[in-house]
Amino acid sequence: MRTVTVCNIMSLDGFYESPDRNPLVLNMDEAFDAYNLERIRAADIVLLGRTSFEGFSSYWPFIADAPADPEDRALSADNRELSRIYNQLPKTVVSDSYSVPTENAWHQTTTVVPRSDAARWLTAERGQGSGDILIFGSRTMWNSLLLQQGLVDELHLMVSPNALGSGISIFDGPVDLRLLEARRFHGSNNVVLRYAAR
């Protein structure tokens, strides 16, 4: 059975984004890149909300073959490999109104399911394949699946070493989790907390 895994970064005080909805205030360093690559290597499908899909599909498809620039960490070997895997994996977007434009680089590898059908789709998909169903970003969507429907198995929360004071909370409501692992990374002040959610 597939594991439904959420992989997100958050601030030390539990925020997903700054008050102006900027996630780039968090410490997305080499450890962040390497961990995202580790997770996508373990996946055989990616599940996203509409906003995350639109952002990721405008960025990630082009990293793999972008011209070399030693000064641009975004073009690291880890990120290029992540881009190649991302481009090939099937992706599902949860949305009631979105359709993937034909000019979108991920048009051929993406399907859309309505919110009312997301739980049924996810329940069916969990029983197929062997890789993770991986959720990057998509805070609103996975909070619904976790808090209201109990369909998330694990949360992998990378904690950035900064407190924002305010912003968009990582959780929409109270939740009890069980710690499975805490990991540090050489040369990084980030840590990953891996929790069982079910």
C-alpha atoms as a PDB file:
ATOM      1  CA  MET A   1       0.000   0.000   0.000  1.00  0.00           C
ATOM      2  CA  ARG A   2       1.239   3.474  -0.838  1.00  0.00           C
ATOM      3  CA  THR A   3       2.076   5.951   1.923  1.00  0.00           C
ATOM      4  CA  VAL A   4       0.516   9.412   1.663  1.00  0.00           C
ATOM      5  CA  THR A   5       3.342  11.756   2.639  1.00  0.00           C
ATOM      6  CA  VAL A   6       3.225  15.519   3.137  1.00  0.00           C
ATOM      7  CA  CYS A   7       6.607  17.254   2.777  1.00  0.00           C
ATOM      8  CA  ASN A   8       6.631  20.949   3.777  1.00  0.00           C
ATOM      9  CA  ILE A   9       8.945  23.532   5.302  1.00  0.00           C
ATOM     10  CA  MET A  10       7.784  25.759   8.152  1.00  0.00           C
ATOM     11  CA  SER A  11       9.165  28.385  10.482  1.00  0.00           C
ATOM     12  CA  LEU A  12      10.304  27.585  14.015  1.00  0.00           C
ATOM     13  CA  ASP A  13       7.043  29.066  15.317  1.00  0.00           C
ATOM     14  CA  GLY A  14       4.836  27.040  13.007  1.00  0.00           C
ATOM     15  CA  PHE A  15       4.185  29.267   9.994  1.00  0.00           C
ATOM     16  CA  TYR A  16       3.976  28.072   6.378  1.00  0.00           C
ATOM     17  CA  GLU A  17       4.380  31.552   4.880  1.00  0.00           C
ATOM     18  CA  SER A  18       4.926  35.130   5.965  1.00  0.00           C
ATOM     19  CA  PRO A  19       1.881  37.440   6.381  1.00  0.00           C
ATOM     20  CA  ASP A  20       2.284  38.558   2.741  1.00  0.00           C
ATOM     21  CA  ARG A  21       2.208  34.865   1.685  1.00  0.00           C
ATOM     22  CA  ASN A  22       5.915  34.638   0.880  1.00  0.00           C
ATOM     23  CA  PRO A  23       7.395  31.177   1.600  1.00  0.00           C
ATOM     24  CA  LEU A  24      10.869  32.315   0.522  1.00  0.00           C
ATOM     25  CA  VAL A  25      11.500  33.845   3.961  1.00  0.00           C
ATOM     26  CA  LEU A  26      12.155  30.254   5.108  1.00  0.00           C
ATOM     27  CA  ASN A  27      15.608  28.657   4.918  1.00  0.00           C
ATOM     28  CA  MET A  28      15.415  26.731   1.640  1.00  0.00           C
ATOM     29  CA  ASP A  29      19.050  25.693   1.615  1.00  0.00           C
ATOM     30  CA  GLU A  30      20.992  22.723   0.196  1.00  0.00           C
ATOM     31  CA  ALA A  31      19.566  20.434   2.889  1.00  0.00           C
ATOM     32  CA  PHE A  32      16.059  21.451   1.849  1.00  0.00           C
ATOM     33  CA  ASP A  33      16.872  20.648  -1.783  1.00  0.00           C
ATOM     34  CA  ALA A  34      18.465  17.300  -0.922  1.00  0.00           C
ATOM     35  CA  TYR A  35      15.541  16.241   1.251  1.00  0.00           C
ATOM     36  CA  ASN A  36      12.981  17.127  -1.416  1.00  0.00           C
ATOM     37  CA  LEU A  37      14.991  15.043  -3.888  1.00  0.00           C
ATOM     38  CA  GLU A  38      15.024  12.130  -1.431  1.00  0.00           C
ATOM     39  CA  ARG A  39      11.254  12.305  -1.082  1.00  0.00           C
ATOM     40  CA  ILE A  40      10.493  12.560  -4.801  1.00  0.00           C
ATOM     41  CA  ARG A  41      12.774   9.585  -5.492  1.00  0.00           C
ATOM     42  CA  ALA A  42      10.517   7.566  -3.166  1.00  0.00           C
ATOM     43  CA  ALA A  43       7.297   8.695  -4.876  1.00  0.00           C
ATOM     44  CA  ASP A  44       5.389   7.403  -7.850  1.00  0.00           C
ATOM     45  CA  ILE A  45       2.735  10.129  -7.907  1.00  0.00           C
ATOM     46  CA  VAL A  46       2.560  13.766  -6.739  1.00  0.00           C
ATOM     47  CA  LEU A  47      -0.665  15.255  -5.366  1.00  0.00           C
ATOM     48  CA  LEU A  48      -1.015  19.044  -5.351  1.00  0.00           C
ATOM     49  CA  GLY A  49      -3.456  21.839  -4.738  1.00  0.00           C
ATOM     50  CA  ARG A  50      -4.100  24.278  -7.564  1.00  0.00           C
ATOM     51  CA  THR A  51      -1.975  27.162  -6.252  1.00  0.00           C
ATOM     52  CA  SER A  52       1.040  24.948  -5.599  1.00  0.00           C
ATOM     53  CA  PHE A  53       0.649  23.256  -8.979  1.00  0.00           C
ATOM     54  CA  GLU A  54       0.576  26.565 -10.825  1.00  0.00           C
ATOM     55  CA  GLY A  55       3.692  27.770  -9.005  1.00  0.00           C
ATOM     56  CA  PHE A  56       5.651  24.534  -9.325  1.00  0.00           C
ATOM     57  CA  SER A  57       4.715  23.925 -12.974  1.00  0.00           C
ATOM     58  CA  SER A  58       5.916  27.389 -13.945  1.00  0.00           C
ATOM     59  CA  TYR A  59       9.327  26.725 -12.365  1.00  0.00           C
ATOM     60  CA  TRP A  60      10.397  23.082 -12.036  1.00  0.00           C
ATOM     61  CA  PRO A  61      10.020  21.833 -15.622  1.00  0.00           C
ATOM     62  CA  PHE A  62      12.788  24.135 -16.815  1.00  0.00           C
ATOM     63  CA  ILE A  63      15.463  23.495 -14.182  1.00  0.00           C
ATOM     64  CA  ALA A  64      16.695  20.182 -15.604  1.00  0.00           C
ATOM     65  CA  ASP A  65      18.065  21.621 -18.843  1.00  0.00           C
ATOM     66  CA  ALA A  66      18.638  25.271 -17.952  1.00  0.00           C
ATOM     67  CA  PRO A  67      21.981  26.704 -19.102  1.00  0.00           C
ATOM     68  CA  ALA A  68      24.787  26.153 -16.611  1.00  0.00           C
ATOM     69  CA  ASP A  69      25.369  28.908 -14.070  1.00  0.00           C
ATOM     70  CA  PRO A  70      27.759  28.015 -11.215  1.00  0.00           C
ATOM     71  CA  GLU A  71      26.515  31.015  -9.229  1.00  0.00           C
ATOM     72  CA  ASP A  72      22.881  29.845  -9.233  1.00  0.00           C
ATOM     73  CA  ARG A  73      22.225  27.253  -6.505  1.00  0.00           C
ATOM     74  CA  ALA A  74      18.796  26.596  -8.018  1.00  0.00           C
ATOM     75  CA  LEU A  75      20.637  24.791 -10.826  1.00  0.00           C
ATOM     76  CA  SER A  76      22.449  22.348  -8.538  1.00  0.00           C
ATOM     77  CA  ALA A  77      22.738  18.674  -9.443  1.00  0.00           C
ATOM     78  CA  ASP A  78      20.073  17.844  -6.822  1.00  0.00           C
ATOM     79  CA  ASN A  79      17.602  20.327  -8.252  1.00  0.00           C
ATOM     80  CA  ARG A  80      18.249  19.228 -11.826  1.00  0.00           C
ATOM     81  CA  GLU A  81      17.565  15.621 -10.864  1.00  0.00           C
ATOM     82  CA  LEU A  82      14.446  16.632  -8.950  1.00  0.00           C
ATOM     83  CA  SER A  83      13.241  18.494 -12.048  1.00  0.00           C
ATOM     84  CA  ARG A  84      13.780  15.455 -14.286  1.00  0.00           C
ATOM     85  CA  ILE A  85      11.879  13.153 -11.919  1.00  0.00           C
ATOM     86  CA  TYR A  86       9.103  15.709 -11.384  1.00  0.00           C
ATOM     87  CA  ASN A  87       8.638  16.118 -15.127  1.00  0.00           C
ATOM     88  CA  GLN A  88       8.086  12.370 -15.584  1.00  0.00           C
ATOM     89  CA  LEU A  89       5.951  11.518 -12.549  1.00  0.00           C
ATOM     90  CA  PRO A  90       2.168  11.579 -12.822  1.00  0.00           C
ATOM     91  CA  LYS A  91       0.648  14.525 -11.016  1.00  0.00           C
ATOM     92  CA  THR A  92      -2.896  15.038  -9.729  1.00  0.00           C
ATOM     93  CA  VAL A  93      -4.349  18.450  -8.898  1.00  0.00           C
ATOM     94  CA  VAL A  94      -7.312  18.871  -6.548  1.00  0.00           C
ATOM     95  CA  SER A  95      -9.531  21.669  -7.851  1.00  0.00           C
ATOM     96  CA  ASP A  96     -13.159  22.309  -8.744  1.00  0.00           C
ATOM     97  CA  SER A  97     -12.472  24.838 -11.483  1.00  0.00           C
ATOM     98  CA  TYR A  98      -8.960  24.324 -12.853  1.00  0.00           C
ATOM     99  CA  SER A  99      -7.961  22.665 -16.093  1.00  0.00           C
ATOM    100  CA  VAL A 100      -4.301  22.353 -17.073  1.00  0.00           C
ATOM    101  CA  PRO A 101      -3.551  24.666 -20.024  1.00  0.00           C
ATOM    102  CA  THR A 102      -2.203  22.880 -23.085  1.00  0.00           C
ATOM    103  CA  GLU A 103       0.888  25.101 -23.005  1.00  0.00           C
ATOM    104  CA  ASN A 104       1.733  24.002 -19.455  1.00  0.00           C
ATOM    105  CA  ALA A 105       4.872  21.853 -19.497  1.00  0.00           C
ATOM    106  CA  TRP A 106       3.154  19.278 -17.270  1.00  0.00           C
ATOM    107  CA  HIS A 107      -0.068  19.122 -19.303  1.00  0.00           C
ATOM    108  CA  GLN A 108       0.513  15.530 -20.457  1.00  0.00           C
ATOM    109  CA  THR A 109       1.393  14.175 -17.002  1.00  0.00           C
ATOM    110  CA  THR A 110      -1.343  15.858 -14.952  1.00  0.00           C
ATOM    111  CA  THR A 111      -4.955  15.045 -14.156  1.00  0.00           C
ATOM    112  CA  VAL A 112      -7.441  17.123 -12.155  1.00  0.00           C
ATOM    113  CA  VAL A 113      -9.940  15.768  -9.624  1.00  0.00           C
ATOM    114  CA  PRO A 114     -12.671  17.847  -7.941  1.00  0.00           C
ATOM    115  CA  ARG A 115     -12.472  18.409  -4.195  1.00  0.00           C
ATOM    116  CA  SER A 116     -15.581  16.313  -3.627  1.00  0.00           C
ATOM    117  CA  ASP A 117     -13.833  13.343  -5.272  1.00  0.00           C
ATOM    118  CA  ALA A 118     -10.392  13.779  -3.690  1.00  0.00           C
ATOM    119  CA  ALA A 119     -10.961  11.378  -0.785  1.00  0.00           C
ATOM    120  CA  ARG A 120     -12.332   8.645  -3.054  1.00  0.00           C
ATOM    121  CA  TRP A 121      -9.457   9.135  -5.520  1.00  0.00           C
ATOM    122  CA  LEU A 122      -6.858   9.030  -2.761  1.00  0.00           C
ATOM    123  CA  THR A 123      -8.361   5.955  -1.114  1.00  0.00           C
ATOM    124  CA  ALA A 124      -8.269   4.114  -4.438  1.00  0.00           C
ATOM    125  CA  GLU A 125      -4.734   5.229  -5.268  1.00  0.00           C
ATOM    126  CA  ARG A 126      -3.371   4.198  -1.865  1.00  0.00           C
ATOM    127  CA  GLY A 127      -4.123   0.586  -2.716  1.00  0.00           C
ATOM    128  CA  GLN A 128      -2.103   0.661  -5.939  1.00  0.00           C
ATOM    129  CA  GLY A 129       1.628   0.843  -6.640  1.00  0.00           C
ATOM    130  CA  SER A 130       4.439   0.887  -4.117  1.00  0.00           C
ATOM    131  CA  GLY A 131       5.866   4.417  -4.108  1.00  0.00           C
ATOM    132  CA  ASP A 132       4.666   7.312  -1.976  1.00  0.00           C
ATOM    133  CA  ILE A 133       1.824   9.612  -2.886  1.00  0.00           C
ATOM    134  CA  LEU A 134       3.794  12.790  -2.258  1.00  0.00           C
ATOM    135  CA  ILE A 135       2.339  16.183  -1.392  1.00  0.00           C
ATOM    136  CA  PHE A 136       4.586  19.253  -1.710  1.00  0.00           C
ATOM    137  CA  GLY A 137       3.234  22.628  -0.571  1.00  0.00           C
ATOM    138  CA  SER A 138      -0.571  22.496  -0.956  1.00  0.00           C
ATOM    139  CA  ARG A 139      -1.267  23.429   2.685  1.00  0.00           C
ATOM    140  CA  THR A 140      -5.019  24.006   2.318  1.00  0.00           C
ATOM    141  CA  MET A 141      -5.570  20.747   0.456  1.00  0.00           C
ATOM    142  CA  TRP A 142      -3.562  18.482   2.760  1.00  0.00           C
ATOM    143  CA  ASN A 143      -5.006  20.062   5.899  1.00  0.00           C
ATOM    144  CA  SER A 144      -8.443  19.014   4.665  1.00  0.00           C
ATOM    145  CA  LEU A 145      -7.246  15.475   3.921  1.00  0.00           C
ATOM    146  CA  LEU A 146      -5.464  15.228   7.293  1.00  0.00           C
ATOM    147  CA  LEU A 147      -7.779  16.981   9.720  1.00  0.00           C
ATOM    148  CA  GLN A 148     -11.176  16.257   8.213  1.00  0.00           C
ATOM    149  CA  GLN A 149     -10.691  12.921   6.449  1.00  0.00           C
ATOM    150  CA  GLY A 150      -7.701  11.190   8.084  1.00  0.00           C
ATOM    151  CA  LEU A 151      -6.075  10.257   4.773  1.00  0.00           C
ATOM    152  CA  VAL A 152      -2.517  11.470   5.394  1.00  0.00           C
ATOM    153  CA  ASP A 153      -0.067   8.859   6.723  1.00  0.00           C
ATOM    154  CA  GLU A 154       3.063  10.910   7.398  1.00  0.00           C
ATOM    155  CA  LEU A 155       4.086  14.545   7.705  1.00  0.00           C
ATOM    156  CA  HIS A 156       7.708  15.444   7.011  1.00  0.00           C
ATOM    157  CA  LEU A 157       8.103  18.962   8.366  1.00  0.00           C
ATOM    158  CA  MET A 158      11.404  20.699   7.759  1.00  0.00           C
ATOM    159  CA  VAL A 159      11.817  23.336  10.441  1.00  0.00           C
ATOM    160  CA  SER A 160      13.565  26.513   9.316  1.00  0.00           C
ATOM    161  CA  PRO A 161      15.696  28.202  12.012  1.00  0.00           C
ATOM    162  CA  ASN A 162      13.698  31.423  12.014  1.00  0.00           C
ATOM    163  CA  ALA A 163      10.550  32.632  13.756  1.00  0.00           C
ATOM    164  CA  LEU A 164       8.178  34.797  11.712  1.00  0.00           C
ATOM    165  CA  GLY A 165       5.962  36.019  14.562  1.00  0.00           C
ATOM    166  CA  SER A 166       2.892  35.890  12.321  1.00  0.00           C
ATOM    167  CA  GLY A 167       1.826  34.564   8.972  1.00  0.00           C
ATOM    168  CA  ILE A 168      -0.041  31.578   7.547  1.00  0.00           C
ATOM    169  CA  SER A 169      -0.097  28.731  10.069  1.00  0.00           C
ATOM    170  CA  ILE A 170       1.048  25.296   8.887  1.00  0.00           C
ATOM    171  CA  PHE A 171      -2.100  23.746  10.443  1.00  0.00           C
ATOM    172  CA  ASP A 172      -5.738  24.804  10.149  1.00  0.00           C
ATOM    173  CA  GLY A 173      -6.680  23.220  13.469  1.00  0.00           C
ATOM    174  CA  PRO A 174      -5.490  21.022  16.329  1.00  0.00           C
ATOM    175  CA  VAL A 175      -3.859  17.697  15.501  1.00  0.00           C
ATOM    176  CA  ASP A 176      -2.037  15.028  17.492  1.00  0.00           C
ATOM    177  CA  LEU A 177       0.988  13.432  15.828  1.00  0.00           C
ATOM    178  CA  ARG A 178       3.467  10.706  16.748  1.00  0.00           C
ATOM    179  CA  LEU A 179       7.174  11.461  16.208  1.00  0.00           C
ATOM    180  CA  LEU A 180       8.923   8.858  14.049  1.00  0.00           C
ATOM    181  CA  GLU A 181      12.256  10.560  13.426  1.00  0.00           C
ATOM    182  CA  ALA A 182      14.194  13.799  13.898  1.00  0.00           C
ATOM    183  CA  ARG A 183      17.039  14.507  11.484  1.00  0.00           C
ATOM    184  CA  ARG A 184      19.798  17.068  11.325  1.00  0.00           C
ATOM    185  CA  PHE A 185      21.844  17.864   8.218  1.00  0.00           C
ATOM    186  CA  HIS A 186      25.544  18.620   7.988  1.00  0.00           C
ATOM    187  CA  GLY A 187      26.130  22.319   7.369  1.00  0.00           C
ATOM    188  CA  SER A 188      22.472  23.270   7.816  1.00  0.00           C
ATOM    189  CA  ASN A 189      20.472  24.739  10.688  1.00  0.00           C
ATOM    190  CA  ASN A 190      17.311  23.070   9.393  1.00  0.00           C
ATOM    191  CA  VAL A 191      15.913  19.913  10.962  1.00  0.00           C
ATOM    192  CA  VAL A 192      13.287  17.468   9.682  1.00  0.00           C
ATOM    193  CA  LEU A 193      10.618  16.152  12.017  1.00  0.00           C
ATOM    194  CA  ARG A 194       8.880  13.087  10.587  1.00  0.00           C
ATOM    195  CA  TYR A 195       5.503  12.298  12.129  1.00  0.00           C
ATOM    196  CA  ALA A 196       2.918   9.572  11.793  1.00  0.00           C
ATOM    197  CA  ALA A 197      -0.425  11.220  11.235  1.00  0.00           C
ATOM    198  CA  ARG A 198      -2.766   8.223  11.401  1.00  0.00           C
END
